[in-house]
Structure formats: structure tokens, C-alpha cells
N, C-alpha and C. Protein backbone atom coordinates (compact mmCIF):
# COMPACT_ATOMS: atom_id res chain seq x y z
N UNK A 1 -2.56 5.37 -18.47
CA UNK A 1 -1.67 4.57 -17.65
C UNK A 1 -2.29 4.38 -16.26
N UNK A 2 -2.27 3.19 -15.76
CA UNK A 2 -2.77 2.88 -14.42
C UNK A 2 -1.58 2.82 -13.47
N UNK A 3 -1.64 3.63 -12.42
CA UNK A 3 -0.56 3.66 -11.44
C UNK A 3 -0.86 2.68 -10.31
N UNK A 4 0.14 1.97 -9.81
CA UNK A 4 -0.09 1.04 -8.71
C UNK A 4 -0.48 1.80 -7.43
N UNK A 5 -1.28 1.17 -6.60
CA UNK A 5 -1.67 1.77 -5.33
C UNK A 5 -0.48 1.83 -4.38
N UNK A 6 -0.42 2.88 -3.61
CA UNK A 6 0.62 2.99 -2.59
C UNK A 6 0.29 2.04 -1.45
N UNK A 7 1.28 1.45 -0.85
CA UNK A 7 1.03 0.60 0.31
C UNK A 7 1.78 -0.71 0.24
N UNK A 8 1.38 -1.62 1.10
CA UNK A 8 2.05 -2.91 1.24
C UNK A 8 1.00 -4.01 1.23
N UNK A 9 1.26 -5.07 0.49
CA UNK A 9 0.32 -6.18 0.40
C UNK A 9 0.32 -7.00 1.69
N UNK A 10 -0.87 -7.39 2.13
CA UNK A 10 -0.98 -8.29 3.29
C UNK A 10 -1.37 -9.70 2.85
N UNK A 11 -1.29 -9.97 1.55
CA UNK A 11 -1.64 -11.30 1.06
C UNK A 11 -0.86 -12.43 1.73
N UNK A 12 0.45 -12.27 2.00
CA UNK A 12 1.14 -13.36 2.70
C UNK A 12 0.47 -13.72 4.03
N UNK A 13 0.03 -12.72 4.80
CA UNK A 13 -0.64 -12.99 6.08
C UNK A 13 -1.97 -13.68 5.86
N UNK A 14 -2.70 -13.28 4.83
CA UNK A 14 -4.00 -13.89 4.54
C UNK A 14 -3.83 -15.37 4.18
N UNK A 15 -2.75 -15.69 3.48
CA UNK A 15 -2.51 -17.07 3.07
C UNK A 15 -1.69 -17.87 4.08
N UNK A 16 -1.51 -17.31 5.30
CA UNK A 16 -0.85 -18.04 6.38
C UNK A 16 0.66 -18.10 6.27
N UNK A 17 1.25 -17.22 5.46
CA UNK A 17 2.71 -17.20 5.32
C UNK A 17 3.30 -16.16 6.25
N UNK A 18 4.60 -16.23 6.44
CA UNK A 18 5.31 -15.29 7.30
C UNK A 18 5.19 -13.87 6.76
N UNK A 19 4.80 -12.93 7.62
CA UNK A 19 4.67 -11.54 7.24
C UNK A 19 4.80 -10.69 8.48
N UNK A 20 5.56 -9.64 8.41
CA UNK A 20 5.69 -8.74 9.56
C UNK A 20 5.74 -7.30 9.06
N UNK A 21 5.40 -6.42 9.95
CA UNK A 21 5.38 -5.01 9.60
C UNK A 21 5.68 -4.23 10.88
N UNK A 22 6.60 -3.27 10.80
CA UNK A 22 6.94 -2.48 11.99
C UNK A 22 5.99 -1.31 12.19
N UNK A 23 5.35 -0.84 11.12
CA UNK A 23 4.43 0.29 11.22
C UNK A 23 3.00 -0.21 11.44
N UNK A 24 2.16 0.58 12.12
CA UNK A 24 0.77 0.17 12.31
C UNK A 24 -0.02 0.18 11.01
N UNK A 25 -1.13 -0.54 10.99
CA UNK A 25 -2.05 -0.57 9.86
C UNK A 25 -3.30 0.19 10.27
N UNK A 26 -3.76 1.10 9.42
CA UNK A 26 -4.96 1.89 9.69
C UNK A 26 -5.99 1.61 8.63
N UNK A 27 -7.28 1.59 9.00
CA UNK A 27 -8.33 1.50 7.99
C UNK A 27 -9.62 2.12 8.50
N UNK A 28 -10.47 2.48 7.54
CA UNK A 28 -11.76 3.08 7.83
C UNK A 28 -12.74 2.62 6.77
N UNK A 29 -13.96 2.32 7.20
CA UNK A 29 -15.01 1.93 6.26
C UNK A 29 -16.36 2.29 6.86
N UNK A 30 -17.14 3.04 6.14
CA UNK A 30 -18.50 3.41 6.54
C UNK A 30 -18.53 4.06 7.93
N UNK A 31 -17.53 4.87 8.24
CA UNK A 31 -17.49 5.56 9.53
C UNK A 31 -16.86 4.77 10.66
N UNK A 32 -16.67 3.47 10.48
CA UNK A 32 -15.99 2.65 11.48
C UNK A 32 -14.51 2.70 11.17
N UNK A 33 -13.68 2.69 12.21
CA UNK A 33 -12.26 2.79 11.97
C UNK A 33 -11.48 1.92 12.95
N UNK A 34 -10.23 1.61 12.56
CA UNK A 34 -9.39 0.76 13.40
C UNK A 34 -7.92 1.02 13.10
N UNK A 35 -7.10 0.71 14.05
CA UNK A 35 -5.65 0.74 13.88
C UNK A 35 -5.11 -0.52 14.55
N UNK A 36 -4.15 -1.16 13.90
CA UNK A 36 -3.59 -2.40 14.44
C UNK A 36 -2.07 -2.34 14.36
N UNK A 37 -1.42 -2.74 15.46
CA UNK A 37 0.03 -2.88 15.50
C UNK A 37 0.35 -4.15 16.27
N UNK A 38 0.94 -5.11 15.56
CA UNK A 38 1.23 -6.40 16.18
C UNK A 38 -0.05 -7.07 16.64
N UNK A 39 -0.10 -7.50 17.90
CA UNK A 39 -1.30 -8.17 18.41
C UNK A 39 -2.33 -7.19 18.96
N UNK A 40 -2.05 -5.89 18.95
CA UNK A 40 -2.94 -4.88 19.51
C UNK A 40 -3.80 -4.24 18.44
N UNK A 41 -5.09 -3.99 18.77
CA UNK A 41 -6.01 -3.34 17.83
C UNK A 41 -6.92 -2.38 18.59
N UNK A 42 -7.05 -1.15 18.08
CA UNK A 42 -8.01 -0.17 18.59
C UNK A 42 -9.12 -0.04 17.56
N UNK A 43 -10.36 0.04 18.02
CA UNK A 43 -11.49 0.20 17.11
C UNK A 43 -12.41 1.31 17.60
N UNK A 44 -13.13 1.90 16.67
CA UNK A 44 -14.14 2.91 16.99
C UNK A 44 -15.29 2.73 16.03
N UNK A 45 -16.48 2.52 16.57
CA UNK A 45 -17.68 2.36 15.76
C UNK A 45 -18.30 3.75 15.58
N UNK A 46 -18.40 4.17 14.33
CA UNK A 46 -18.93 5.50 14.00
C UNK A 46 -18.20 6.57 14.82
N UNK A 47 -18.90 7.34 15.62
CA UNK A 47 -18.24 8.41 16.38
C UNK A 47 -18.01 8.05 17.85
N UNK A 48 -18.10 6.76 18.19
CA UNK A 48 -17.87 6.31 19.57
C UNK A 48 -16.39 6.46 19.94
N UNK A 49 -16.12 6.30 21.22
CA UNK A 49 -14.76 6.35 21.73
C UNK A 49 -13.94 5.16 21.18
N UNK A 50 -12.62 5.32 21.15
CA UNK A 50 -11.73 4.22 20.76
C UNK A 50 -11.77 3.16 21.86
N UNK A 51 -11.77 1.89 21.45
CA UNK A 51 -11.73 0.77 22.42
C UNK A 51 -10.54 -0.10 22.11
């Protein structure tokens, strides 16, 4: 049995449709990381400080 992934789809935003979320979005890839809430985004490249 394949279990669905936990989380929320952002496909509506990708396709230009109305989408909102009250909680921030976090992601990490290859040591780079970011967090986004509304129009604000913090990023960190590898082990650098958050910007």
C-alpha cells in the first residue's frame, strides 16, 4: 500500500489560482534552506547566516 505524503499541495499557486496558507513553508535541498511566510522569505546557503 502506498501512503499519501503529509502536507499541502501548492499546485493552485503554481497555476496562478487563489491559494493561501497561514503557516510558513519550509524547505531544504543540498544544504540550502529557506522558510517563507506570505511575502517574506529567509534563505541560507549551506552553512551561511540566514538572510
